[in-house]
Amino acid sequence: MGEKLGMIGVGKMGLALSRQMMADGHKVCGYDTDPERMQLLADEGGTPLANAAEVAENSDITFSILLKPEHIEDNLFGDNGIDKAGKDGLIHVEMSTMPPSFQKDIASKCAERGITMLDAPISGSHGAVDKRTITFMVGGGDAAFERVKPILEPLSADTTHCGPSGSGAVMKVVTNLFVNSSTALIAEMILTGERAGLSHDVMMHCLSKGSVRGAMLNQLAPRLFARNFAPQGAVEIFVKDMGLAIDLAKENGVELKVVPAARAMFQRAEAAGWGKDDAGRVIEVYEGKA
């Protein structure tokens, strides 16, 4: 039997998740500040509601995936936040990519209001949601995780309980540290090979057979060869997420070297007006087009 679920933030990722939740037999209501996104939710079979409090009133478990910390806090604790629903036993799953310290803080504020919160950021793009190849990295209490696990597992290739509150956020930042920096490195590799006379066919064949083979190469290299910058992971998101990695490392006594150098290239892409484009556009920074 399906659950009553609520999605706060019906952007590309939130809408894709809502669609798959409904495909699994759950009822999904949602809220977004953008009327067009609300209409898209309705078109998929979901129920648009006026604010986050109404979403909580009509849900057993709520989810949020939002861009900025202030958006999250407003939807959790603002005038129409989920805490205003007064819903006993409500579980909230916060899926945005945020600093671990922030996630731990809002989990504590939720607990004070009788809400149990999990941080459960996602690895994978919104396109991967429909393929169910995303992964969830979850931080929080055991009981809440076991309650939510049957909903998350069918949506993903893997759902892992990483530890106490904030652990999911830490795992996401560490994951992005690799993905973001590797994007710049693959761009360097491809451009160097091109300039030295290698064909794309030869590069892809040899790289995919050797130690470089893997998901990052398979997903990114064809788009870089074609200079296809349709957004999957935007430049501006990479800049934000690499900043989170640098801050987390500093908090734990680690001075990163590779990540700041890569981030500087994405910052140049952002300064060129490419912030909304796919992060692969960093290759044009290396080409001197920024």
Protein backbone atom coordinates (compact mmCIF):
# COMPACT_ATOMS: atom_id res chain seq x y z
CA MET A 1 0.00 0.00 0.00
CA GLY A 2 1.36 3.42 -0.96
CA GLU A 3 2.38 6.17 1.42
CA LYS A 4 1.23 9.79 1.61
CA LEU A 5 4.34 11.76 0.63
CA GLY A 6 5.03 15.47 0.26
CA MET A 7 7.67 17.15 -1.91
CA ILE A 8 8.82 20.67 -1.09
CA GLY A 9 10.71 22.03 -4.07
CA VAL A 10 9.46 20.75 -7.40
CA GLY A 11 12.44 21.67 -9.55
CA LYS A 12 13.94 19.21 -12.02
CA MET A 13 15.06 16.79 -9.31
CA GLY A 14 12.00 17.21 -7.11
CA LEU A 15 9.63 16.67 -10.01
CA ALA A 16 11.52 13.61 -11.25
CA LEU A 17 11.48 12.08 -7.76
CA SER A 18 7.77 12.84 -7.37
CA ARG A 19 7.04 11.14 -10.69
CA GLN A 20 8.88 7.99 -9.67
CA MET A 21 7.30 7.96 -6.21
CA MET A 22 3.88 8.04 -7.84
CA ALA A 23 4.94 5.25 -10.20
CA ASP A 24 5.64 3.20 -7.06
CA GLY A 25 2.06 3.69 -5.90
CA HIS A 26 2.53 6.58 -3.46
CA LYS A 27 0.32 9.64 -3.31
CA VAL A 28 2.42 12.79 -3.70
CA CYS A 29 1.49 16.36 -2.89
CA GLY A 30 3.91 19.23 -3.27
CA TYR A 31 4.76 22.89 -3.05
CA ASP A 32 6.99 25.19 -5.07
CA THR A 33 7.12 28.97 -5.35
CA ASP A 34 7.03 28.65 -9.16
CA PRO A 35 3.44 28.18 -10.46
CA GLU A 36 4.78 26.52 -13.62
CA ARG A 37 6.49 23.82 -11.55
CA MET A 38 3.25 23.30 -9.60
CA GLN A 39 1.39 22.80 -12.86
CA LEU A 40 3.99 20.26 -13.98
CA LEU A 41 3.42 18.35 -10.72
CA ALA A 42 -0.32 18.37 -11.38
CA ASP A 43 0.26 17.18 -14.94
CA GLU A 44 2.19 14.20 -13.54
CA GLY A 45 -0.71 13.31 -11.24
CA GLY A 46 0.48 15.00 -8.05
CA THR A 47 -1.45 17.44 -5.87
CA PRO A 48 -0.14 21.03 -5.69
CA LEU A 49 -0.71 22.74 -2.34
CA ALA A 50 -0.42 26.33 -1.14
CA ASN A 51 2.59 26.01 1.17
CA ALA A 52 4.86 23.64 3.07
CA ALA A 53 2.56 23.50 6.10
CA GLU A 54 -0.27 22.16 3.93
CA VAL A 55 2.12 19.61 2.46
CA ALA A 56 2.99 18.39 5.95
CA GLU A 57 -0.69 18.27 6.98
CA ASN A 58 -1.38 15.94 4.06
CA SER A 59 1.71 13.72 4.34
CA ASP A 60 3.19 11.04 6.55
CA ILE A 61 6.69 11.79 5.28
CA THR A 62 7.88 15.04 3.71
CA PHE A 63 10.89 15.65 1.47
CA SER A 64 12.67 18.83 0.44
CA ILE A 65 15.20 19.52 -2.28
CA LEU A 66 15.99 23.22 -2.49
CA LEU A 67 18.80 25.47 -3.66
CA LYS A 68 19.59 27.72 -0.69
CA PRO A 69 19.75 27.31 3.12
CA GLU A 70 17.28 30.16 3.64
CA HIS A 71 14.75 28.39 1.40
CA ILE A 72 15.04 25.27 3.56
CA GLU A 73 14.71 27.11 6.85
CA ASP A 74 11.71 29.07 5.62
CA ASN A 75 9.90 25.92 4.48
CA LEU A 76 10.71 24.11 7.71
CA PHE A 77 10.30 26.87 10.31
CA GLY A 78 8.80 29.95 8.60
CA ASP A 79 5.27 31.28 8.82
CA ASN A 80 4.03 28.41 6.64
CA GLY A 81 6.74 25.89 7.53
CA ILE A 82 6.14 22.20 8.06
CA ASP A 83 6.40 22.68 11.83
CA LYS A 84 3.20 24.74 11.72
CA ALA A 85 1.25 21.63 10.74
CA GLY A 86 1.71 20.22 14.25
CA LYS A 87 1.88 16.74 12.78
CA ASP A 88 2.78 14.10 15.37
CA GLY A 89 5.40 11.62 14.20
CA LEU A 90 6.26 13.52 11.03
CA ILE A 91 9.50 12.46 9.34
CA HIS A 92 11.21 15.00 7.11
CA VAL A 93 13.86 13.98 4.59
CA GLU A 94 16.09 16.89 3.56
CA MET A 95 17.75 16.01 0.24
CA SER A 96 19.50 19.25 -0.73
CA THR A 97 23.29 19.49 -0.99
CA MET A 98 24.18 21.59 2.04
CA PRO A 99 27.01 21.90 4.58
CA PRO A 100 26.91 19.06 7.12
CA SER A 101 26.92 21.57 9.98
CA PHE A 102 23.78 23.17 8.54
CA GLN A 103 22.01 19.82 8.20
CA LYS A 104 22.86 18.88 11.79
CA ASP A 105 21.60 22.23 13.02
CA ILE A 106 18.23 22.04 11.28
CA ALA A 107 17.85 18.39 12.38
CA SER A 108 18.24 19.60 15.96
CA LYS A 109 15.67 22.36 15.38
CA CYS A 110 13.28 19.83 13.86
CA ALA A 111 13.68 17.57 16.91
CA GLU A 112 12.77 20.47 19.20
CA ARG A 113 9.52 20.75 17.23
CA GLY A 114 8.70 17.05 17.31
CA ILE A 115 9.88 16.35 13.77
CA THR A 116 12.42 13.65 12.99
CA MET A 117 14.78 14.67 10.20
CA LEU A 118 17.10 12.69 7.93
CA ASP A 119 19.65 14.29 5.64
CA ALA A 120 19.59 12.27 2.42
CA PRO A 121 21.42 13.98 -0.44
CA ILE A 122 21.49 12.38 -3.87
CA SER A 123 24.34 11.39 -6.15
CA GLY A 124 23.20 11.54 -9.77
CA SER A 125 21.42 13.93 -12.11
CA HIS A 126 17.68 14.40 -12.55
CA GLY A 127 17.91 12.26 -15.71
CA ALA A 128 19.28 9.41 -13.62
CA VAL A 129 16.18 9.55 -11.39
CA ASP A 130 14.03 8.17 -14.20
CA LYS A 131 16.61 5.41 -14.78
CA ARG A 132 16.72 4.73 -11.02
CA THR A 133 20.51 4.85 -11.03
CA ILE A 134 20.84 7.58 -8.37
CA THR A 135 22.16 6.82 -4.90
CA PHE A 136 20.99 8.13 -1.54
CA MET A 137 23.45 8.84 1.29
CA VAL A 138 21.46 9.12 4.50
CA GLY A 139 22.30 10.55 7.90
CA GLY A 140 20.10 10.32 10.99
CA GLY A 141 18.54 7.91 13.42
CA ASP A 142 18.15 4.19 12.78
CA ALA A 143 14.39 4.05 13.29
CA ALA A 144 13.66 6.92 10.90
CA PHE A 145 15.99 5.42 8.29
CA GLU A 146 14.23 2.04 8.48
CA ARG A 147 10.88 3.83 8.10
CA VAL A 148 11.97 5.69 4.96
CA LYS A 149 14.19 3.01 3.44
CA PRO A 150 11.35 1.13 1.66
CA ILE A 151 10.48 4.36 -0.17
CA LEU A 152 14.03 5.31 -1.16
CA GLU A 153 15.44 1.91 -2.10
CA PRO A 154 13.21 1.27 -5.14
CA LEU A 155 14.10 4.73 -6.47
CA SER A 156 17.83 4.12 -6.40
CA ALA A 157 20.75 1.90 -7.28
CA ASP A 158 21.81 2.15 -3.63
CA THR A 159 20.50 3.65 -0.40
CA THR A 160 23.05 3.67 2.42
CA HIS A 161 22.70 4.75 6.04
CA CYS A 162 25.98 6.62 6.56
CA GLY A 163 25.65 7.31 10.28
CA PRO A 164 24.19 9.99 12.57
CA SER A 165 22.73 13.32 11.51
CA GLY A 166 24.95 15.11 9.00
CA SER A 167 26.69 11.95 7.80
CA GLY A 168 24.76 11.86 4.54
CA ALA A 169 25.75 15.46 3.87
CA VAL A 170 29.41 14.66 4.56
CA MET A 171 29.30 11.73 2.15
CA LYS A 172 27.72 13.92 -0.55
CA VAL A 173 30.35 16.64 -0.18
CA VAL A 174 33.13 14.03 -0.37
CA THR A 175 31.50 12.48 -3.46
CA ASN A 176 31.18 15.85 -5.16
CA LEU A 177 34.80 16.64 -4.34
CA PHE A 178 35.79 13.80 -6.66
CA VAL A 179 33.13 14.31 -9.34
CA ASN A 180 33.70 18.07 -9.66
CA SER A 181 37.48 17.91 -9.74
CA SER A 182 37.44 14.94 -12.12
CA THR A 183 35.29 16.92 -14.55
CA ALA A 184 38.05 19.51 -14.85
CA LEU A 185 40.70 16.78 -15.12
CA ILE A 186 38.84 14.93 -17.88
CA ALA A 187 38.49 18.23 -19.75
CA GLU A 188 42.26 18.75 -19.47
CA MET A 189 42.91 15.20 -20.64
CA ILE A 190 40.64 15.43 -23.68
CA LEU A 191 41.85 18.85 -24.79
CA THR A 192 45.50 17.79 -24.47
CA GLY A 193 44.83 14.66 -26.50
CA GLU A 194 42.98 16.64 -29.18
CA ARG A 195 45.72 19.24 -29.49
CA ALA A 196 48.35 16.48 -29.73
CA GLY A 197 46.54 14.89 -32.67
CA LEU A 198 44.52 12.02 -31.17
CA SER A 199 41.08 11.28 -32.59
CA HIS A 200 38.04 11.06 -30.35
CA ASP A 201 37.51 7.44 -31.40
CA VAL A 202 41.03 6.45 -30.43
CA MET A 203 40.87 8.29 -27.12
CA MET A 204 37.51 6.81 -26.14
CA HIS A 205 38.56 3.30 -27.10
CA CYS A 206 41.86 3.36 -25.23
CA LEU A 207 40.60 5.22 -22.18
CA SER A 208 37.59 2.92 -21.78
CA LYS A 209 39.84 -0.16 -21.88
CA GLY A 210 42.41 1.08 -19.39
CA SER A 211 42.54 2.35 -15.84
CA VAL A 212 40.56 5.51 -16.69
CA ARG A 213 37.43 3.54 -17.58
CA GLY A 214 34.31 4.13 -15.53
CA ALA A 215 31.09 6.08 -15.15
CA MET A 216 32.70 9.54 -15.18
CA LEU A 217 34.44 8.88 -18.49
CA ASN A 218 31.40 7.25 -20.10
CA GLN A 219 29.04 10.04 -19.11
CA LEU A 220 31.28 13.04 -19.70
CA ALA A 221 33.68 12.30 -22.54
CA PRO A 222 31.07 12.06 -25.36
CA ARG A 223 29.57 15.39 -24.29
CA LEU A 224 32.99 17.05 -24.18
CA PHE A 225 33.94 15.63 -27.57
CA ALA A 226 30.74 17.15 -29.00
CA ARG A 227 31.04 20.33 -26.92
CA ASN A 228 27.51 19.63 -25.74
CA PHE A 229 26.84 21.93 -22.81
CA ALA A 230 23.13 21.29 -22.25
CA PRO A 231 22.85 21.47 -18.46
CA GLN A 232 23.06 18.30 -16.42
CA GLY A 233 25.26 19.58 -13.60
CA ALA A 234 25.49 23.36 -13.91
CA VAL A 235 28.72 25.34 -13.58
CA GLU A 236 27.28 27.42 -10.73
CA ILE A 237 26.39 24.29 -8.77
CA PHE A 238 29.93 22.98 -9.15
CA VAL A 239 31.32 26.27 -7.82
CA LYS A 240 29.01 26.04 -4.80
CA ASP A 241 29.69 22.38 -4.09
CA MET A 242 33.46 22.71 -4.37
CA GLY A 243 33.27 25.56 -1.89
CA LEU A 244 31.47 23.20 0.50
CA ALA A 245 34.28 20.67 0.07
CA ILE A 246 36.97 23.25 0.78
CA ASP A 247 35.15 24.43 3.91
CA LEU A 248 34.55 20.88 5.19
CA ALA A 249 38.21 20.00 4.69
CA LYS A 250 39.35 23.12 6.58
CA GLU A 251 36.99 22.31 9.45
CA ASN A 252 38.72 18.94 9.74
CA GLY A 253 42.31 20.16 9.40
CA VAL A 254 42.82 19.32 5.73
CA GLU A 255 44.16 21.84 3.22
CA LEU A 256 42.94 20.84 -0.22
CA LYS A 257 45.10 21.65 -3.25
CA VAL A 258 43.48 20.05 -6.30
CA VAL A 259 39.92 21.16 -5.55
CA PRO A 260 40.68 24.91 -5.26
CA ALA A 261 42.64 24.82 -8.53
CA ALA A 262 39.77 23.09 -10.33
CA ARG A 263 37.22 25.41 -8.72
CA ALA A 264 39.07 28.43 -10.06
CA MET A 265 38.46 27.17 -13.61
CA PHE A 266 34.73 26.75 -12.96
CA GLN A 267 34.65 30.23 -11.41
CA ARG A 268 36.12 31.58 -14.66
CA ALA A 269 33.37 29.78 -16.58
CA GLU A 270 30.77 31.31 -14.28
CA ALA A 271 32.30 34.76 -14.73
CA ALA A 272 32.01 34.28 -18.51
CA GLY A 273 28.25 33.99 -18.14
CA TRP A 274 28.08 30.20 -18.36
CA GLY A 275 26.81 29.53 -14.83
CA LYS A 276 23.62 27.82 -16.00
CA ASP A 277 25.42 25.71 -18.61
CA ASP A 278 26.71 22.20 -18.02
CA ALA A 279 29.94 22.08 -16.04
CA GLY A 280 31.62 20.42 -19.02
CA ARG A 281 31.85 23.92 -20.46
CA VAL A 282 34.98 24.31 -18.35
CA ILE A 283 36.81 22.84 -21.37
CA GLU A 284 36.22 26.16 -23.15
CA VAL A 285 37.97 27.94 -20.30
CA TYR A 286 41.01 25.78 -21.03
CA GLU A 287 40.61 26.67 -24.71
CA GLY A 288 40.81 30.36 -23.82
CA LYS A 289 37.23 31.18 -24.78
CA ALA A 290 36.16 32.46 -21.37
